[in-house]
């Protein structure tokens, strides 16, 4: 079976998970509602705008909503990567002709795509509505756009993309190593800690101080790419030796 067919199969499987779709939908709607309320806070009735009880309720609700968004966005990639282990279907998938190497790349691509889609639904859409509504009230859109363009850097954007792919690769390593067990999260945290230490020490050894901005980021890119290849290789070796 080709990688393309495996990817389609994976997308079909996760888009039909009703529980997760419902949870994403509820939190996305709550994000939009609270974003609109915050943007139009000054337009609320006076008895609500100056009410301490309502203010406390809003603060607690927003804190809980932020926590729910963080937990869901952090947990969901682990669910995508470990669900086949937990459902004991990997042996059946291998018997149907799926190669472990193809499954590795398919899982990596699907996890990145679904995680980015989840971030767009939960964060980007409500955030955009918040900025648009604030612009209507206080003309904030031009200020946000100008600030973004002043601080924008293609180097940083590429660094962010590579860092995220490296993180997902590390998640896949942890889930594969632990066979989808929940302790894979703890293993991931430990591996991430080790990776950060090794990365920091490597960048200290490399003489990046005398480099310009481009040279500094190229050194970071090189370390991230080496880490991705290493994590991917280890994951595939573990998958190849596992008795499913």
Protein backbone atom coordinates (compact mmCIF):
# COMPACT_ATOMS: atom_id res chain seq x y z
CA UNK A 1 0.00 0.00 0.00
CA UNK A 2 1.37 3.43 -0.96
CA UNK A 3 1.98 6.27 1.49
CA UNK A 4 -0.76 8.32 -0.20
CA UNK A 5 -3.38 5.64 0.48
CA UNK A 6 -2.24 5.25 4.08
CA UNK A 7 -2.50 9.03 4.59
CA UNK A 8 -6.03 9.06 3.16
CA UNK A 9 -6.96 6.15 5.42
CA UNK A 10 -5.56 7.94 8.47
CA UNK A 11 -7.39 11.18 7.67
CA UNK A 12 -10.64 9.27 7.13
CA UNK A 13 -10.20 7.53 10.49
CA UNK A 14 -9.58 10.67 12.52
CA UNK A 15 -12.21 12.82 10.81
CA UNK A 16 -14.78 10.22 11.87
CA UNK A 17 -13.87 10.32 15.57
CA UNK A 18 -17.10 11.85 16.83
CA UNK A 19 -15.94 12.43 20.40
CA UNK A 20 -12.88 14.46 19.41
CA UNK A 21 -14.78 16.32 16.71
CA UNK A 22 -17.42 17.24 19.31
CA UNK A 23 -14.82 18.40 21.83
CA UNK A 24 -12.99 20.49 19.22
CA UNK A 25 -16.30 21.99 18.10
CA UNK A 26 -17.40 22.92 21.63
CA UNK A 27 -14.07 24.51 22.60
CA UNK A 28 -13.84 26.34 19.25
CA UNK A 29 -17.33 27.81 19.77
CA UNK A 30 -16.43 28.84 23.33
CA UNK A 31 -13.22 30.45 22.07
CA UNK A 32 -15.18 32.46 19.51
CA UNK A 33 -17.82 33.50 22.07
CA UNK A 34 -15.27 34.67 24.64
CA UNK A 35 -13.20 36.41 21.96
CA UNK A 36 -16.25 38.39 20.83
CA UNK A 37 -17.23 39.19 24.43
CA UNK A 38 -13.74 40.47 25.22
CA UNK A 39 -13.60 42.54 22.05
CA UNK A 40 -16.95 44.14 22.81
CA UNK A 41 -16.57 44.40 26.60
CA UNK A 42 -17.18 48.16 26.58
CA UNK A 43 -20.47 47.62 24.76
CA UNK A 44 -21.85 45.35 27.47
CA UNK A 45 -24.67 46.63 29.70
CA UNK A 46 -23.40 48.76 32.58
CA UNK A 47 -24.71 46.32 35.18
CA UNK A 48 -22.47 43.60 33.67
CA UNK A 49 -19.43 45.68 32.69
CA UNK A 50 -18.87 46.97 36.23
CA UNK A 51 -20.06 43.87 38.07
CA UNK A 52 -17.30 42.18 40.13
CA UNK A 53 -19.06 38.82 40.10
CA UNK A 54 -19.30 38.86 36.32
CA UNK A 55 -15.68 39.99 36.07
CA UNK A 56 -14.52 37.13 38.32
CA UNK A 57 -16.61 34.68 36.32
CA UNK A 58 -15.02 35.89 33.07
CA UNK A 59 -11.46 35.66 34.45
CA UNK A 60 -11.95 32.12 35.81
CA UNK A 61 -13.73 31.00 32.63
CA UNK A 62 -10.98 32.37 30.39
CA UNK A 63 -8.27 30.71 32.51
CA UNK A 64 -10.09 27.37 32.35
CA UNK A 65 -10.63 27.79 28.61
CA UNK A 66 -6.94 28.54 28.02
CA UNK A 67 -6.04 25.43 30.04
CA UNK A 68 -8.52 23.32 28.03
CA UNK A 69 -7.05 24.59 24.74
CA UNK A 70 -3.50 23.85 25.88
CA UNK A 71 -4.34 20.34 27.11
CA UNK A 72 -6.28 19.46 23.96
CA UNK A 73 -3.61 20.78 21.57
CA UNK A 74 -0.89 19.02 23.57
CA UNK A 75 -2.74 15.72 24.01
CA UNK A 76 -4.22 15.33 20.52
CA UNK A 77 -0.95 14.55 18.68
CA UNK A 78 -0.26 11.78 21.20
CA UNK A 79 -3.73 10.37 20.53
CA UNK A 80 -3.14 10.39 16.77
CA UNK A 81 0.24 8.68 17.14
CA UNK A 82 -0.81 6.04 19.69
CA UNK A 83 -4.38 5.13 18.72
CA UNK A 84 -3.34 2.16 16.55
CA UNK A 85 -1.31 0.71 19.42
CA UNK A 86 -4.17 1.17 21.86
CA UNK A 87 -6.70 -0.43 19.49
CA UNK A 88 -4.36 -3.36 18.72
CA UNK A 89 -4.75 -2.95 14.96
CA UNK A 90 -1.10 -2.56 13.96
CA UNK A 91 -0.65 -6.30 13.39
CA UNK A 92 -3.70 -6.31 11.13
CA UNK A 93 -2.38 -3.26 9.25
CA UNK A 94 0.97 -4.95 8.68
CA UNK A 95 -0.79 -8.13 7.53
CA UNK A 96 -2.80 -6.09 5.00
CA UNK A 97 0.41 -5.07 3.24
CA UNK A 98 1.27 -1.78 4.91
CA UNK A 99 5.01 -1.30 5.31
CA UNK A 100 6.23 0.00 8.65
CA UNK A 101 8.39 2.62 6.94
CA UNK A 102 5.38 3.93 5.01
CA UNK A 103 3.30 3.99 8.18
CA UNK A 104 6.00 6.04 9.93
CA UNK A 105 5.94 8.78 7.29
CA UNK A 106 2.15 8.69 7.02
CA UNK A 107 1.75 9.09 10.79
CA UNK A 108 4.22 11.97 10.80
CA UNK A 109 2.46 13.84 7.98
CA UNK A 110 -1.06 13.21 9.32
CA UNK A 111 -0.11 14.29 12.86
CA UNK A 112 1.44 17.54 11.64
CA UNK A 113 -1.54 18.33 9.40
CA UNK A 114 -4.18 17.50 12.02
CA UNK A 115 -2.33 19.42 14.74
CA UNK A 116 -2.05 22.49 12.51
CA UNK A 117 -5.74 22.19 11.58
CA UNK A 118 -6.66 21.96 15.27
CA UNK A 119 -4.57 25.07 16.03
CA UNK A 120 -6.27 26.99 13.21
CA UNK A 121 -9.76 26.03 14.42
CA UNK A 122 -9.08 26.65 18.10
CA UNK A 123 -6.73 29.64 17.98
CA UNK A 124 -6.42 31.34 14.59
CA UNK A 125 -10.13 31.79 13.85
CA UNK A 126 -11.05 33.21 17.31
CA UNK A 127 -7.85 35.29 17.32
CA UNK A 128 -8.68 36.78 13.92
CA UNK A 129 -12.23 37.59 15.04
CA UNK A 130 -10.84 39.23 18.19
CA UNK A 131 -8.48 41.47 16.21
CA UNK A 132 -11.19 42.38 13.67
CA UNK A 133 -13.68 43.27 16.42
CA UNK A 134 -11.06 45.30 18.30
CA UNK A 135 -10.28 47.12 15.08
CA UNK A 136 -13.93 48.13 14.77
CA UNK A 137 -13.89 49.53 18.30
CA UNK A 138 -10.42 51.03 18.75
CA UNK A 139 -8.73 50.78 15.35
CA UNK A 140 -6.22 48.15 16.45
CA UNK A 141 -5.78 46.23 13.19
CA UNK A 142 -3.19 48.62 11.70
CA UNK A 143 -1.22 48.63 14.96
CA UNK A 144 -1.18 44.80 15.13
CA UNK A 145 -0.20 44.50 11.46
CA UNK A 146 2.58 47.09 11.77
CA UNK A 147 3.95 45.44 14.91
CA UNK A 148 3.85 42.03 13.22
CA UNK A 149 5.70 43.26 10.12
CA UNK A 150 8.31 45.09 12.22
CA UNK A 151 9.14 41.90 14.14
CA UNK A 152 8.61 39.40 11.31
CA UNK A 153 11.58 37.27 10.24
CA UNK A 154 11.63 34.48 7.68
CA UNK A 155 14.49 32.95 9.65
CA UNK A 156 12.31 32.71 12.74
CA UNK A 157 9.39 31.29 10.74
CA UNK A 158 11.55 28.50 9.27
CA UNK A 159 12.98 27.87 12.75
CA UNK A 160 9.44 27.55 14.14
CA UNK A 161 8.39 25.08 11.42
CA UNK A 162 11.50 22.91 11.84
CA UNK A 163 11.15 22.99 15.62
CA UNK A 164 7.54 21.82 15.39
CA UNK A 165 8.38 18.97 12.99
CA UNK A 166 11.21 17.94 15.31
CA UNK A 167 8.80 17.95 18.25
CA UNK A 168 6.29 15.75 16.41
CA UNK A 169 9.09 13.37 15.40
CA UNK A 170 10.10 13.16 19.05
CA UNK A 171 6.47 12.48 20.01
CA UNK A 172 6.36 9.66 17.47
CA UNK A 173 9.56 8.20 18.94
CA UNK A 174 8.09 8.29 22.47
CA UNK A 175 4.77 6.74 21.40
CA UNK A 176 6.49 4.02 19.36
CA UNK A 177 8.95 3.23 22.14
CA UNK A 178 6.16 2.97 24.75
CA UNK A 179 3.76 1.21 22.35
CA UNK A 180 1.14 3.93 22.74
CA UNK A 181 1.02 3.80 26.54
CA UNK A 182 0.07 7.01 28.39
CA UNK A 183 3.54 7.15 29.95
CA UNK A 184 4.76 8.10 26.47
CA UNK A 185 4.01 11.70 27.49
CA UNK A 186 6.49 11.44 30.36
CA UNK A 187 9.04 9.82 28.06
CA UNK A 188 8.51 12.65 25.57
CA UNK A 189 9.07 15.26 28.28
CA UNK A 190 12.30 13.51 29.32
CA UNK A 191 13.54 13.17 25.74
CA UNK A 192 12.69 16.82 25.08
CA UNK A 193 14.70 17.86 28.13
CA UNK A 194 17.70 15.86 26.94
CA UNK A 195 17.30 17.22 23.40
CA UNK A 196 17.25 20.82 24.66
CA UNK A 197 20.40 20.29 26.70
CA UNK A 198 22.26 18.66 23.80
CA UNK A 199 21.07 21.37 21.40
CA UNK A 200 22.15 24.16 23.74
CA UNK A 201 25.58 22.60 24.27
CA UNK A 202 26.01 22.07 20.52
CA UNK A 203 25.16 25.68 19.74
CA UNK A 204 27.62 26.80 22.42
CA UNK A 205 30.39 24.74 20.81
CA UNK A 206 29.57 26.15 17.34
CA UNK A 207 31.04 29.68 17.13
CA UNK A 208 27.75 31.41 16.33
CA UNK A 209 28.69 34.60 18.18
CA UNK A 210 30.77 35.88 15.28
CA UNK A 211 28.13 34.91 12.71
CA UNK A 212 25.47 37.20 11.30
CA UNK A 213 21.77 36.45 11.75
CA UNK A 214 21.70 34.12 8.75
CA UNK A 215 24.71 32.13 9.96
CA UNK A 216 23.23 31.79 13.44
CA UNK A 217 19.93 30.43 12.13
CA UNK A 218 21.66 28.10 9.66
CA UNK A 219 23.46 26.52 12.61
CA UNK A 220 20.13 26.08 14.40
CA UNK A 221 18.53 24.61 11.23
CA UNK A 222 21.39 22.14 10.89
CA UNK A 223 21.00 20.91 14.47
CA UNK A 224 17.22 20.53 14.05
CA UNK A 225 17.52 18.62 10.77
CA UNK A 226 20.12 16.26 12.26
CA UNK A 227 17.80 15.72 15.26
CA UNK A 228 14.83 14.96 12.98
CA UNK A 229 16.82 12.42 10.97
CA UNK A 230 18.20 10.80 14.14
CA UNK A 231 14.80 10.59 15.86
CA UNK A 232 13.20 9.26 12.68
CA UNK A 233 15.89 6.61 12.25
CA UNK A 234 15.59 5.44 15.87
CA UNK A 235 11.79 5.30 15.59
CA UNK A 236 11.94 3.21 12.42
CA UNK A 237 14.45 0.83 13.99
CA UNK A 238 12.17 0.38 17.00
CA UNK A 239 9.14 -0.20 14.75
CA UNK A 240 11.08 -2.76 12.69
CA UNK A 241 12.01 -4.78 15.79
CA UNK A 242 8.63 -4.64 17.53
CA UNK A 243 6.64 -7.86 17.73
CA UNK A 244 3.11 -6.73 16.88
